[in-house]
Amino acid sequence: MATLVSPNTQELVSTQRTLAKFLKPCSENTPTLHHSETVSQMNILHPKKLNFKGWKNPQAKWGDWFETLTGKHGFIWNQTGLCDALLSSLYNFPRNPSLILALVQYWSSKTNTFVFPWGEATITLEDVMILGGFSVLGEPVTLPLSSDLLSIEANLIEIRRRISKEKSKRVDHNAWLKFFKEGLEAESDKLFEIEHVGFLCLWLSRFVFPSCSNSIIDPRVFPIAIHLSQGTRMALAPSVLASIYHNLSLLKEKLVSSSVKDLNLNVNGLFQLVQQWLFERFPILGPNCPNELKKGEPRAARWHKLNSNHQHASFESILSVLESRENFRWRPYVVDLKNWCFVSHYKENEQYVGGSNSDLAEELKCFGLCLCADELVGLDCVEKYMPYRVAMQFGMDQDVPPSEFTVLSPSYKGNFSFYVPARCYKPCVSLEYHNWWKKSKVDDSDLLIDKNCMLDVVMIAKQYCEEEEEEEENHVSTDSVESSLKRKSSTNEESKDKEVDSNSSIVFEGEDLVVEEGESETKRLKKNEQSFNCEFNNDAEHFEVLFMSGKGKKHVGTCDNPLDVDDYACTILGTSSHPIRL
């Protein structure tokens, strides 16, 4: 039995709300909250140069090469789930370094979450899948090559060796593109046949794993490119997220280090995806008018060539936005955008998904994997993924997380069951969580040193950004982007929901606030909440715990003088032989 509290009003929820939905594992004891380390403002001001090494925009001829290969290999891109990720590489995302510097101050490398004064949030597999277009399904990036594919790898190594003998002696992205676009025609038919693999190698090195290559074609991506070219689906999302977590922790470590003032600060990783996450979750920090998607465009196209409307704001004002829970949007993907072709796992009604994994629709398989705590294996790092700390980002209620990391990842080929909340579901927190956070959260004044004495660092932060080399400043023009897109047919009906205005405040409970473009008043999506009961097969030998559920009771009291909370009833990760009984 669980008592729920509205995070927005800090009041007990209505007795009509009878069933809590928690993402397991949950804590049986009172854990310690791992606060983010305090960043001295002076350390942000002192680095001589802040270089976003992994923030790559498309090269001048990249769009042409993409368009040339689309007709030949578009079928394989669809088969391997690459379409949105490849399309996203055609767009230009201006950097807003002040936003990244402000956001990273709340990062905790112990939990891989942003620890704000109002709660925890993080970039999840769902974010990487939707914003980056990377697949959570498929083989791991460490999958070795079979003997019949080793000859392709040998050809790639030979090409890399030949390019390294040129004057520059660097197998950088521009040299690789030039070889395949200009020098390949004079080569043998055998080499000409691997153009597609060469294209994927450049894409992986530049737009997927830039932290590993430093503008160099990394041989470690060769096996991944070869598998993809053969139609093998690869789970890129976990590796991309591992790299993002790793580089956020490195940046935070450098910023809190006293020695950083004498160094050039190099920032690796896909920080353009971090910025997109920030725009989606804190719309008030994003552009005033995101681009309207055209048919077939990925969600990332909303931010093409757009800057934050806070790019000239004071650093203190950015922090104040981040520290206000009303500005955070827990469920940005439940509202359909016009012409967005993504098949959402969130439906009008809640779903209990069970049975054989092989029988599930693809979007449900993906969502199930996004909910599972696991170790994320990247090319150069292994990071912990703890979705149970940010359950409200998936539309579920938040309970106190455990102090120890626990892996609860079902086999992809196995049978498992999970819950999918309805679009209109408004997640809350348990009373235990409310009291735990209230007791252990960091006081706002402790998050930054001498907050009232901060300098306006936005213009200073901009000058840290390394100007990219001249050849990499050439972008694919808007016309080139539009002409090279091969529009995907949309199976969704045009959404009746309106796009969120970037100046709107989003209710903390997960309630979706939407504003018509040009309107000033906020319209809430009003839908009736539904109550339900579940009965579960509790045979401990045949399940793995994934969720917790608690049926509420009539509440009397306040948050400051709470009632006793009964033990929660456990739901289970069912199997085909011992299913959840609804």
Protein backbone atom coordinates (compact mmCIF):
# COMPACT_ATOMS: atom_id res chain seq x y z
CA MET A 1 0.00 0.00 0.00
CA ALA A 2 1.54 3.32 -1.03
CA THR A 3 0.71 6.92 -0.34
CA LEU A 4 1.46 9.28 -3.23
CA VAL A 5 2.42 12.94 -3.18
CA SER A 6 2.11 15.45 -5.99
CA PRO A 7 5.61 16.81 -6.61
CA ASN A 8 4.12 20.02 -7.96
CA THR A 9 1.78 20.93 -5.09
CA GLN A 10 3.51 18.90 -2.34
CA GLU A 11 0.07 17.58 -1.32
CA LEU A 12 -1.28 14.07 -0.99
CA VAL A 13 -2.98 12.90 -4.15
CA SER A 14 -6.72 12.35 -4.42
CA THR A 15 -8.11 9.10 -3.08
CA GLN A 16 -9.41 8.44 -6.59
CA ARG A 17 -5.83 7.64 -7.53
CA THR A 18 -5.69 4.11 -6.15
CA LEU A 19 -2.66 2.42 -7.66
CA ALA A 20 0.97 3.50 -7.72
CA LYS A 21 3.30 2.34 -10.47
CA PHE A 22 6.98 2.19 -9.52
CA LEU A 23 9.96 1.17 -11.60
CA LYS A 24 12.07 -1.35 -9.71
CA PRO A 25 14.37 -1.84 -7.95
CA CYS A 26 13.25 0.30 -5.00
CA SER A 27 15.07 0.83 -1.72
CA GLU A 28 14.16 -1.11 1.41
CA ASN A 29 16.35 1.17 3.52
CA THR A 30 17.03 4.90 3.49
CA PRO A 31 19.90 5.45 1.00
CA THR A 32 22.27 8.39 0.84
CA LEU A 33 21.63 10.91 -1.92
CA HIS A 34 24.76 11.40 -4.03
CA HIS A 35 24.92 15.14 -4.59
CA SER A 36 26.73 16.55 -7.57
CA GLU A 37 30.13 17.99 -6.76
CA THR A 38 30.24 21.76 -6.43
CA VAL A 39 31.89 23.56 -9.33
CA SER A 40 33.77 26.71 -8.51
CA GLN A 41 32.74 29.55 -10.74
CA MET A 42 36.38 30.53 -11.10
CA ASN A 43 37.23 27.19 -12.67
CA ILE A 44 34.71 27.88 -15.40
CA LEU A 45 36.29 31.24 -16.15
CA HIS A 46 39.93 30.16 -16.20
CA PRO A 47 40.33 27.53 -18.99
CA LYS A 48 42.15 29.20 -21.86
CA LYS A 49 40.00 27.44 -24.42
CA LEU A 50 36.96 25.17 -24.37
CA ASN A 51 37.06 22.91 -27.42
CA PHE A 52 33.96 20.90 -28.34
CA LYS A 53 35.94 18.26 -30.22
CA GLY A 54 33.01 15.90 -30.66
CA TRP A 55 30.54 18.53 -31.89
CA LYS A 56 30.68 17.88 -35.64
CA ASN A 57 28.57 19.49 -38.33
CA PRO A 58 28.23 17.96 -41.82
CA GLN A 59 31.03 18.47 -44.33
CA ALA A 60 30.30 20.26 -47.60
CA LYS A 61 30.13 17.07 -49.66
CA TRP A 62 28.55 14.86 -47.01
CA GLY A 63 24.99 15.55 -48.17
CA ASP A 64 25.89 14.72 -51.77
CA TRP A 65 27.44 11.42 -50.75
CA PHE A 66 24.39 10.63 -48.62
CA GLU A 67 22.06 11.34 -51.53
CA THR A 68 24.11 9.20 -53.92
CA LEU A 69 23.96 6.16 -51.66
CA THR A 70 20.34 6.52 -50.54
CA GLY A 71 18.90 4.89 -53.65
CA LYS A 72 21.38 2.01 -53.51
CA HIS A 73 21.31 1.24 -49.81
CA GLY A 74 18.14 2.82 -48.39
CA PHE A 75 16.58 -0.61 -47.93
CA ILE A 76 19.47 -1.74 -45.71
CA TRP A 77 19.27 1.49 -43.71
CA ASN A 78 15.61 0.79 -43.02
CA GLN A 79 16.37 -2.81 -42.13
CA THR A 80 19.09 -1.85 -39.65
CA GLY A 81 17.18 1.09 -38.11
CA LEU A 82 19.69 3.70 -39.32
CA CYS A 83 17.42 6.09 -41.23
CA ASP A 84 16.78 8.73 -38.56
CA ALA A 85 20.35 8.61 -37.27
CA LEU A 86 21.78 9.08 -40.77
CA LEU A 87 19.33 11.87 -41.58
CA SER A 88 20.25 13.66 -38.35
CA SER A 89 23.84 13.92 -39.58
CA LEU A 90 22.70 16.32 -42.33
CA TYR A 91 21.74 19.10 -39.92
CA ASN A 92 23.70 21.90 -38.30
CA PHE A 93 23.30 22.43 -34.56
CA PRO A 94 24.81 25.70 -33.25
CA ARG A 95 26.58 25.41 -29.93
CA ASN A 96 25.34 27.14 -26.78
CA PRO A 97 28.29 26.55 -24.41
CA SER A 98 26.80 28.50 -21.51
CA LEU A 99 23.89 26.03 -21.35
CA ILE A 100 26.23 23.03 -21.28
CA LEU A 101 28.43 24.61 -18.62
CA ALA A 102 25.40 25.38 -16.47
CA LEU A 103 23.88 21.92 -16.89
CA VAL A 104 27.05 19.99 -16.13
CA GLN A 105 27.30 21.57 -12.68
CA TYR A 106 24.43 19.31 -11.54
CA TRP A 107 25.94 16.11 -12.97
CA SER A 108 26.71 13.26 -10.57
CA SER A 109 29.07 10.61 -11.91
CA LYS A 110 28.03 8.26 -9.09
CA THR A 111 24.45 7.99 -10.31
CA ASN A 112 24.84 9.24 -13.91
CA THR A 113 22.05 11.73 -13.28
CA PHE A 114 21.63 15.48 -12.99
CA VAL A 115 20.88 16.16 -9.31
CA PHE A 116 18.77 19.32 -9.32
CA PRO A 117 17.38 20.88 -6.14
CA TRP A 118 13.94 19.51 -7.05
CA GLY A 119 14.90 15.98 -8.10
CA GLU A 120 16.96 13.81 -10.40
CA ALA A 121 16.81 13.66 -14.20
CA THR A 122 19.06 12.20 -16.86
CA ILE A 123 19.51 11.32 -20.51
CA THR A 124 17.97 7.88 -21.01
CA LEU A 125 18.00 5.27 -23.75
CA GLU A 126 14.60 6.61 -24.78
CA ASP A 127 16.13 10.07 -25.35
CA VAL A 128 19.03 8.67 -27.38
CA MET A 129 16.63 6.55 -29.44
CA ILE A 130 14.24 9.42 -30.21
CA LEU A 131 16.59 12.41 -30.46
CA GLY A 132 19.58 10.66 -32.01
CA GLY A 133 17.69 8.01 -33.97
CA PHE A 134 19.96 5.26 -32.63
CA SER A 135 18.59 1.75 -32.18
CA VAL A 136 18.32 0.06 -28.79
CA LEU A 137 17.70 -3.26 -30.52
CA GLY A 138 20.26 -5.46 -32.23
CA GLU A 139 23.70 -6.90 -31.68
CA PRO A 140 26.25 -5.27 -29.34
CA VAL A 141 28.94 -3.09 -30.89
CA THR A 142 31.54 -5.59 -29.67
CA LEU A 143 30.22 -8.31 -32.03
CA PRO A 144 33.26 -9.81 -33.81
CA LEU A 145 33.43 -10.34 -37.55
CA SER A 146 32.92 -13.75 -39.05
CA SER A 147 35.72 -15.18 -41.19
CA ASP A 148 33.97 -14.35 -44.47
CA LEU A 149 33.89 -10.63 -43.57
CA LEU A 150 37.53 -10.25 -42.54
CA SER A 151 38.58 -9.49 -46.13
CA ILE A 152 36.42 -6.33 -46.08
CA GLU A 153 38.13 -5.18 -42.92
CA ALA A 154 41.51 -5.85 -44.54
CA ASN A 155 40.55 -3.60 -47.48
CA LEU A 156 39.55 -0.80 -45.11
CA ILE A 157 42.84 -1.10 -43.25
CA GLU A 158 44.69 -0.91 -46.57
CA ILE A 159 42.80 2.24 -47.59
CA ARG A 160 43.57 3.81 -44.23
CA ARG A 161 47.26 2.96 -44.64
CA ARG A 162 47.39 4.50 -48.11
CA ILE A 163 45.73 7.72 -46.98
CA SER A 164 48.20 7.99 -44.10
CA LYS A 165 51.03 8.15 -46.66
CA GLU A 166 49.67 11.38 -48.12
CA LYS A 167 51.20 14.75 -47.26
CA SER A 168 49.01 15.32 -44.21
CA LYS A 169 49.79 11.85 -42.80
CA ARG A 170 46.46 12.00 -40.98
CA VAL A 171 43.52 9.79 -41.87
CA ASP A 172 41.08 12.49 -40.90
CA HIS A 173 37.44 12.81 -41.90
CA ASN A 174 38.10 15.12 -44.85
CA ALA A 175 40.84 12.92 -46.31
CA TRP A 176 38.60 9.86 -46.00
CA LEU A 177 35.67 11.60 -47.72
CA LYS A 178 37.95 12.93 -50.48
CA PHE A 179 39.34 9.45 -51.18
CA PHE A 180 35.90 7.87 -51.56
CA LYS A 181 34.39 10.78 -53.50
CA GLU A 182 37.31 11.55 -55.82
CA GLY A 183 39.97 8.85 -55.69
CA LEU A 184 37.88 5.70 -55.59
CA GLU A 185 36.88 5.78 -59.27
CA ALA A 186 40.46 5.03 -60.29
CA GLU A 187 40.64 2.02 -58.01
CA SER A 188 39.80 -1.59 -58.71
CA ASP A 189 36.23 -2.88 -58.72
CA LYS A 190 37.01 -4.71 -55.51
CA LEU A 191 37.62 -1.45 -53.65
CA PHE A 192 34.75 0.30 -55.38
CA GLU A 193 32.35 -2.24 -53.90
CA ILE A 194 33.15 -1.12 -50.35
CA GLU A 195 32.07 2.49 -50.83
CA HIS A 196 29.03 1.89 -48.62
CA VAL A 197 31.22 0.54 -45.83
CA GLY A 198 33.53 3.54 -46.19
CA PHE A 199 30.53 5.87 -45.90
CA LEU A 200 29.40 4.17 -42.69
CA CYS A 201 32.94 4.31 -41.26
CA LEU A 202 32.99 8.09 -41.68
CA TRP A 203 29.49 8.42 -40.21
CA LEU A 204 30.39 6.31 -37.17
CA SER A 205 33.67 8.16 -36.55
CA ARG A 206 32.19 11.63 -36.96
CA PHE A 207 28.59 11.49 -35.77
CA VAL A 208 28.32 8.45 -33.48
CA PHE A 209 31.62 7.93 -31.65
CA PRO A 210 33.52 11.23 -32.09
CA SER A 211 35.13 10.97 -28.67
CA CYS A 212 37.07 7.93 -29.85
CA SER A 213 38.39 9.33 -33.12
CA ASN A 214 39.34 13.00 -32.54
CA SER A 215 38.57 13.70 -36.23
CA ILE A 216 40.47 10.56 -37.23
CA ILE A 217 38.90 7.46 -38.80
CA ASP A 218 39.05 4.97 -35.94
CA PRO A 219 39.69 1.33 -37.00
CA ARG A 220 37.50 0.20 -34.09
CA VAL A 221 34.40 1.26 -36.03
CA PHE A 222 35.31 -0.94 -39.02
CA PRO A 223 33.58 -4.11 -37.69
CA ILE A 224 30.45 -2.11 -36.80
CA ALA A 225 30.31 -0.54 -40.27
CA ILE A 226 30.79 -3.91 -41.94
CA HIS A 227 27.98 -5.52 -39.91
CA LEU A 228 25.64 -2.64 -40.74
CA SER A 229 26.49 -2.81 -44.45
CA GLN A 230 25.53 -6.50 -44.41
CA GLY A 231 22.10 -5.72 -42.93
CA THR A 232 22.90 -6.67 -39.33
CA ARG A 233 21.12 -4.45 -36.85
CA MET A 234 23.43 -3.03 -34.20
CA ALA A 235 22.38 -1.64 -30.81
CA LEU A 236 24.14 1.72 -31.09
CA ALA A 237 22.03 3.56 -28.48
CA PRO A 238 23.57 1.89 -25.38
CA SER A 239 27.11 2.61 -26.59
CA VAL A 240 26.27 6.20 -27.50
CA LEU A 241 24.70 6.77 -24.07
CA ALA A 242 27.71 5.21 -22.34
CA SER A 243 29.94 7.68 -24.19
CA ILE A 244 27.71 10.62 -23.20
CA TYR A 245 27.75 9.61 -19.52
CA HIS A 246 31.51 9.11 -19.64
CA ASN A 247 32.22 12.50 -21.22
CA LEU A 248 29.84 14.36 -18.90
CA SER A 249 31.77 12.89 -15.96
CA LEU A 250 35.12 13.83 -17.52
CA LEU A 251 33.98 17.40 -18.14
CA LYS A 252 32.66 17.67 -14.59
CA GLU A 253 35.92 16.27 -13.21
CA LYS A 254 37.96 18.81 -15.16
CA LEU A 255 35.75 21.69 -14.08
CA VAL A 256 36.09 20.86 -10.38
CA SER A 257 39.84 20.36 -10.71
CA SER A 258 42.00 23.25 -9.56
CA SER A 259 44.58 22.48 -12.27
CA VAL A 260 42.14 23.09 -15.12
CA LYS A 261 42.86 26.83 -15.11
CA ASP A 262 46.17 26.28 -16.90
CA LEU A 263 44.86 23.94 -19.58
CA ASN A 264 42.93 23.98 -22.80
CA LEU A 265 39.73 22.12 -22.02
CA ASN A 266 38.78 19.57 -24.70
CA VAL A 267 35.19 18.36 -24.60
CA ASN A 268 34.54 15.09 -26.40
CA GLY A 269 31.31 13.21 -27.04
CA LEU A 270 27.94 13.99 -28.58
CA PHE A 271 27.22 17.17 -26.67
CA GLN A 272 24.89 18.31 -29.44
CA LEU A 273 22.58 15.52 -28.27
CA VAL A 274 22.94 16.78 -24.69
CA GLN A 275 21.87 20.22 -25.88
CA GLN A 276 18.88 18.76 -27.75
CA TRP A 277 17.88 16.95 -24.56
CA LEU A 278 18.09 20.27 -22.73
CA PHE A 279 15.85 21.95 -25.33
CA GLU A 280 13.27 19.15 -25.10
CA ARG A 281 13.24 18.96 -21.30
CA PHE A 282 13.57 22.69 -20.60
CA PRO A 283 11.64 24.30 -23.48
CA ILE A 284 12.11 27.75 -21.97
CA LEU A 285 15.86 27.40 -22.67
CA GLY A 286 15.36 26.33 -26.27
CA PRO A 287 14.70 28.39 -29.40
CA ASN A 288 11.53 30.47 -29.34
CA CYS A 289 10.11 28.75 -32.42
CA PRO A 290 11.47 25.26 -33.17
CA ASN A 291 11.41 24.28 -36.84
CA GLU A 292 8.24 22.59 -38.01
CA LEU A 293 9.10 19.10 -39.19
CA LYS A 294 8.60 18.16 -42.80
CA LYS A 295 7.46 14.67 -43.71
CA GLY A 296 10.24 12.18 -43.19
CA GLU A 297 12.46 14.44 -41.10
CA PRO A 298 13.88 13.18 -37.77
CA ARG A 299 13.02 14.95 -34.54
CA ALA A 300 16.48 16.52 -34.41
CA ALA A 301 15.54 18.69 -37.41
CA ARG A 302 13.53 20.88 -35.04
CA TRP A 303 16.80 22.46 -33.89
CA HIS A 304 18.55 22.87 -37.26
CA LYS A 305 20.50 26.19 -37.32
CA LEU A 306 18.64 27.47 -34.24
CA ASN A 307 20.16 29.02 -31.11
CA SER A 308 18.80 29.11 -27.60
CA ASN A 309 16.70 32.13 -26.74
CA HIS A 310 18.92 32.35 -23.63
CA GLN A 311 22.20 32.62 -25.53
CA HIS A 312 22.63 36.21 -24.31
CA ALA A 313 21.20 35.61 -20.84
CA SER A 314 23.24 35.80 -17.68
CA PHE A 315 24.68 32.59 -16.30
CA GLU A 316 22.70 33.11 -13.12
CA SER A 317 19.40 33.31 -15.01
CA ILE A 318 20.16 30.00 -16.76
CA LEU A 319 20.82 28.36 -13.40
CA SER A 320 17.56 29.73 -12.03
CA VAL A 321 15.68 28.08 -14.90
CA LEU A 322 17.39 24.73 -14.26
CA GLU A 323 16.66 24.93 -10.54
CA SER A 324 12.91 25.41 -11.00
CA ARG A 325 11.00 22.14 -11.32
CA GLU A 326 8.12 23.91 -13.08
CA ASN A 327 10.42 24.41 -16.09
CA PHE A 328 11.20 20.71 -16.53
CA ARG A 329 9.16 18.61 -18.91
CA TRP A 330 8.94 15.02 -17.73
CA ARG A 331 7.27 13.52 -20.81
CA PRO A 332 8.05 15.54 -23.95
CA TYR A 333 7.46 12.61 -26.31
CA VAL A 334 3.82 11.91 -25.43
CA VAL A 335 2.65 14.82 -27.61
CA ASP A 336 2.77 14.02 -31.31
CA LEU A 337 4.40 16.63 -33.51
CA LYS A 338 3.09 17.41 -36.95
CA ASN A 339 4.78 15.18 -39.56
CA TRP A 340 6.74 13.26 -36.91
CA CYS A 341 6.70 9.65 -38.10
CA PHE A 342 7.91 7.99 -34.91
CA VAL A 343 5.62 5.16 -33.81
CA SER A 344 5.13 5.95 -30.14
CA HIS A 345 4.88 3.27 -27.46
CA TYR A 346 2.65 5.64 -25.46
CA LYS A 347 -1.02 5.12 -26.36
CA GLU A 348 -4.25 6.71 -25.19
CA ASN A 349 -4.80 3.84 -22.75
CA GLU A 350 -2.32 2.11 -20.46
CA GLN A 351 -0.93 -1.26 -21.48
CA TYR A 352 0.30 -4.35 -19.67
CA VAL A 353 2.73 -6.05 -22.01
CA GLY A 354 3.61 -9.68 -21.52
CA GLY A 355 4.34 -12.91 -23.32
CA SER A 356 7.05 -13.78 -25.79
CA ASN A 357 9.43 -10.96 -26.61
CA SER A 358 9.53 -12.07 -30.23
CA ASP A 359 5.80 -11.40 -30.55
CA LEU A 360 5.99 -7.78 -29.40
CA ALA A 361 5.78 -4.79 -31.69
CA GLU A 362 9.16 -3.15 -32.19
CA GLU A 363 8.27 0.03 -30.31
CA LEU A 364 7.27 -2.04 -27.25
CA LYS A 365 10.49 -4.05 -27.37
CA CYS A 366 12.42 -0.78 -27.40
CA PHE A 367 10.48 0.69 -24.49
CA GLY A 368 10.95 -2.47 -22.42
CA LEU A 369 14.72 -2.27 -22.86
CA CYS A 370 14.72 1.44 -21.95
CA LEU A 371 13.24 0.51 -18.55
CA CYS A 372 15.88 -2.06 -17.63
CA ALA A 373 18.84 -1.14 -15.45
CA ASP A 374 22.00 -2.40 -17.08
CA GLU A 375 25.65 -1.77 -17.78
CA LEU A 376 26.16 0.20 -20.99
CA VAL A 377 29.17 -0.97 -22.99
CA GLY A 378 30.80 1.65 -25.21
CA LEU A 379 33.90 1.50 -27.38
CA ASP A 380 36.10 2.94 -24.63
CA CYS A 381 34.01 2.83 -21.45
CA VAL A 382 31.39 0.95 -19.42
CA GLU A 383 28.75 3.01 -17.59
CA LYS A 384 25.84 2.26 -15.27
CA TYR A 385 22.31 2.90 -16.48
CA MET A 386 19.79 3.50 -13.69
CA PRO A 387 16.35 4.37 -15.11
CA TYR A 388 14.69 3.62 -11.76
CA ARG A 389 16.12 6.90 -10.44
CA VAL A 390 14.15 8.90 -13.05
CA ALA A 391 10.96 6.82 -13.34
CA MET A 392 8.79 9.88 -13.97
CA GLN A 393 10.58 10.42 -17.28
CA PHE A 394 8.85 7.21 -18.38
CA GLY A 395 5.48 8.22 -16.90
CA MET A 396 5.81 6.08 -13.78
CA ASP A 397 5.70 7.03 -10.11
CA GLN A 398 8.97 7.60 -8.30
CA ASP A 399 9.95 5.68 -5.20
CA VAL A 400 13.17 5.84 -3.18
CA PRO A 401 15.97 4.33 -5.30
CA PRO A 402 18.33 1.73 -3.82
CA SER A 403 21.81 2.74 -2.72
CA GLU A 404 23.46 -0.10 -4.65
CA PHE A 405 23.32 -0.50 -8.43
CA THR A 406 21.37 -3.59 -9.47
CA VAL A 407 21.16 -4.96 -12.99
CA LEU A 408 17.66 -6.08 -13.94
CA SER A 409 18.06 -6.61 -17.65
CA PRO A 410 16.08 -9.45 -19.24
CA SER A 411 17.51 -11.28 -22.19
CA TYR A 412 16.38 -9.83 -25.49
CA LYS A 413 15.22 -13.27 -26.60
CA GLY A 414 13.51 -14.08 -23.32
CA ASN A 415 10.01 -13.48 -22.05
CA PHE A 416 9.26 -10.52 -19.83
CA SER A 417 6.36 -8.29 -18.86
CA PHE A 418 6.14 -4.58 -18.21
CA TYR A 419 3.75 -1.69 -17.89
CA VAL A 420 3.32 1.18 -20.37
CA PRO A 421 1.53 4.25 -18.95
CA ALA A 422 -1.08 6.12 -20.92
CA ARG A 423 -0.21 9.42 -22.57
CA CYS A 424 -2.22 11.41 -20.05
CA TYR A 425 -0.82 9.63 -16.98
CA LYS A 426 0.45 12.05 -14.31
CA PRO A 427 3.30 10.47 -12.34
CA CYS A 428 3.81 11.34 -8.69
CA VAL A 429 6.26 10.41 -5.95
CA SER A 430 5.77 8.12 -3.00
CA LEU A 431 5.47 9.70 0.42
CA GLU A 432 8.67 7.96 1.42
CA TYR A 433 10.49 9.49 -1.53
CA HIS A 434 9.05 12.93 -0.75
CA ASN A 435 10.28 12.79 2.83
CA TRP A 436 13.65 11.28 1.82
CA TRP A 437 14.33 13.97 -0.76
CA LYS A 438 13.12 16.74 1.52
CA LYS A 439 15.52 15.55 4.20
CA SER A 440 18.58 14.92 2.02
CA LYS A 441 18.41 17.43 -0.84
CA VAL A 442 21.09 20.07 -1.16
CA ASP A 443 20.16 23.57 -0.10
CA ASP A 444 20.01 25.83 -3.15
CA SER A 445 22.73 28.08 -1.77
CA ASP A 446 25.16 25.15 -1.61
CA LEU A 447 24.93 24.17 -5.24
CA LEU A 448 27.24 26.94 -6.42
CA ILE A 449 29.86 29.03 -4.70
CA ASP A 450 28.97 32.67 -4.03
CA LYS A 451 26.02 32.64 -6.39
CA ASN A 452 25.24 36.31 -5.84
CA CYS A 453 28.76 37.30 -6.92
CA MET A 454 28.68 35.45 -10.26
CA LEU A 455 29.97 37.17 -13.34
CA ASP A 456 28.11 37.12 -16.61
CA VAL A 457 30.05 34.30 -18.28
CA VAL A 458 27.96 33.74 -21.37
CA MET A 459 30.08 35.89 -23.68
CA ILE A 460 33.26 34.59 -22.08
CA ALA A 461 32.11 31.00 -22.56
CA LYS A 462 31.54 31.66 -26.24
CA GLN A 463 35.13 32.70 -26.81
CA TYR A 464 36.31 29.38 -25.36
CA CYS A 465 34.69 27.50 -28.22
CA GLU A 466 37.27 26.41 -30.69
CA GLU A 467 36.65 27.67 -34.20
CA GLU A 468 36.49 24.55 -36.32
CA GLU A 469 38.97 24.13 -39.12
CA GLU A 470 38.04 26.01 -42.25
CA GLU A 471 37.12 22.93 -44.21
CA GLU A 472 34.82 21.77 -41.42
CA GLU A 473 33.01 25.07 -41.22
CA ASN A 474 31.38 24.33 -44.57
CA HIS A 475 27.88 23.12 -43.86
CA VAL A 476 25.34 21.36 -45.97
CA SER A 477 22.99 24.09 -47.15
CA THR A 478 19.35 23.98 -46.26
CA ASP A 479 18.50 23.27 -49.90
CA SER A 480 20.99 20.41 -49.98
CA VAL A 481 19.50 18.94 -46.83
CA GLU A 482 16.00 19.14 -48.20
CA SER A 483 16.91 17.70 -51.59
CA SER A 484 18.86 14.79 -50.12
CA LEU A 485 16.12 13.62 -47.79
CA LYS A 486 14.20 10.62 -49.02
CA ARG A 487 10.89 11.11 -47.36
CA LYS A 488 9.56 8.24 -45.31
CA SER A 489 5.85 7.58 -45.54
CA SER A 490 4.05 8.33 -42.34
CA THR A 491 1.70 5.73 -40.92
CA ASN A 492 0.43 8.03 -38.19
CA GLU A 493 -2.54 10.31 -38.46
CA GLU A 494 -1.78 14.01 -38.22
CA SER A 495 -1.61 14.93 -34.56
CA LYS A 496 -4.29 17.04 -33.02
CA ASP A 497 -1.91 18.06 -30.28
CA LYS A 498 -0.19 21.41 -30.52
CA GLU A 499 3.55 21.95 -30.35
CA VAL A 500 4.92 23.10 -27.03
CA ASP A 501 5.88 26.74 -26.81
CA SER A 502 9.42 27.16 -25.56
CA ASN A 503 8.36 29.83 -23.09
CA SER A 504 5.81 27.61 -21.37
CA SER A 505 6.29 26.20 -17.90
CA ILE A 506 5.73 22.46 -17.76
CA VAL A 507 3.96 21.03 -14.72
CA PHE A 508 6.20 18.73 -12.68
CA GLU A 509 3.58 16.00 -12.36
CA GLY A 510 4.03 14.99 -15.98
CA GLU A 511 0.97 16.94 -17.09
CA ASP A 512 1.40 18.00 -20.71
CA LEU A 513 1.03 21.70 -21.34
CA VAL A 514 0.67 22.64 -24.97
CA VAL A 515 0.46 26.02 -26.64
CA GLU A 516 -0.65 26.89 -30.14
CA GLU A 517 2.05 28.76 -32.03
CA GLY A 518 1.50 32.45 -31.41
CA GLU A 519 -0.79 31.87 -28.45
CA SER A 520 0.04 33.21 -25.03
CA GLU A 521 -2.29 31.10 -22.93
CA THR A 522 -1.47 27.57 -21.90
CA LYS A 523 -3.90 24.76 -22.67
CA ARG A 524 -3.79 21.62 -20.57
CA LEU A 525 -4.56 18.19 -21.88
CA LYS A 526 -7.45 17.19 -19.65
CA LYS A 527 -8.16 13.52 -19.53
CA ASN A 528 -9.76 11.34 -16.91
CA GLU A 529 -7.45 9.21 -14.85
CA GLN A 530 -8.34 5.54 -14.66
CA SER A 531 -8.05 3.31 -11.65
CA PHE A 532 -7.27 -0.36 -11.92
CA ASN A 533 -6.33 -3.42 -9.89
CA CYS A 534 -3.82 -6.13 -10.65
CA GLU A 535 -3.27 -9.64 -9.32
CA PHE A 536 0.17 -11.14 -9.69
CA ASN A 537 1.60 -14.64 -9.74
CA ASN A 538 4.15 -14.51 -6.94
CA ASP A 539 6.17 -17.65 -7.60
CA ALA A 540 9.64 -16.38 -6.70
CA GLU A 541 11.43 -19.12 -8.60
CA HIS A 542 10.02 -18.07 -11.96
CA PHE A 543 10.35 -14.33 -12.19
CA GLU A 544 12.69 -11.40 -11.95
CA VAL A 545 11.36 -8.36 -10.10
CA LEU A 546 10.96 -5.28 -12.31
CA PHE A 547 8.10 -3.15 -11.02
CA MET A 548 6.40 -2.31 -7.74
CA SER A 549 2.80 -1.38 -7.29
CA GLY A 550 0.84 -0.15 -4.32
CA LYS A 551 -2.86 0.33 -3.81
CA GLY A 552 -3.64 3.56 -1.98
CA LYS A 553 -6.14 4.11 0.78
CA LYS A 554 -8.03 7.05 2.16
CA HIS A 555 -5.53 9.62 3.35
CA VAL A 556 -5.70 11.78 6.43
CA GLY A 557 -2.82 14.05 7.33
CA THR A 558 -0.21 16.22 5.69
CA CYS A 559 3.24 15.73 4.24
CA ASP A 560 4.84 17.21 7.34
CA ASN A 561 2.81 14.88 9.56
CA PRO A 562 2.44 11.83 7.33
CA LEU A 563 0.59 8.64 7.94
CA ASP A 564 2.41 5.37 8.28
CA VAL A 565 3.01 3.74 4.93
CA ASP A 566 2.33 0.04 4.58
CA ASP A 567 4.67 -2.27 2.75
CA TYR A 568 4.32 -2.14 -1.00
CA ALA A 569 2.89 -5.02 -2.95
CA CYS A 570 5.29 -6.37 -5.52
CA THR A 571 4.48 -6.88 -9.15
CA ILE A 572 6.73 -9.08 -11.16
CA LEU A 573 8.63 -9.60 -14.31
CA GLY A 574 6.49 -12.45 -15.56
CA THR A 575 7.25 -15.33 -17.90
CA SER A 576 5.07 -17.17 -20.39
CA SER A 577 4.68 -20.03 -17.91
CA HIS A 578 4.02 -17.76 -14.94
CA PRO A 579 2.39 -14.64 -16.43
CA ILE A 580 1.01 -11.56 -14.76
CA ARG A 581 -2.72 -12.09 -14.23
CA LEU A 582 -4.71 -8.92 -14.82
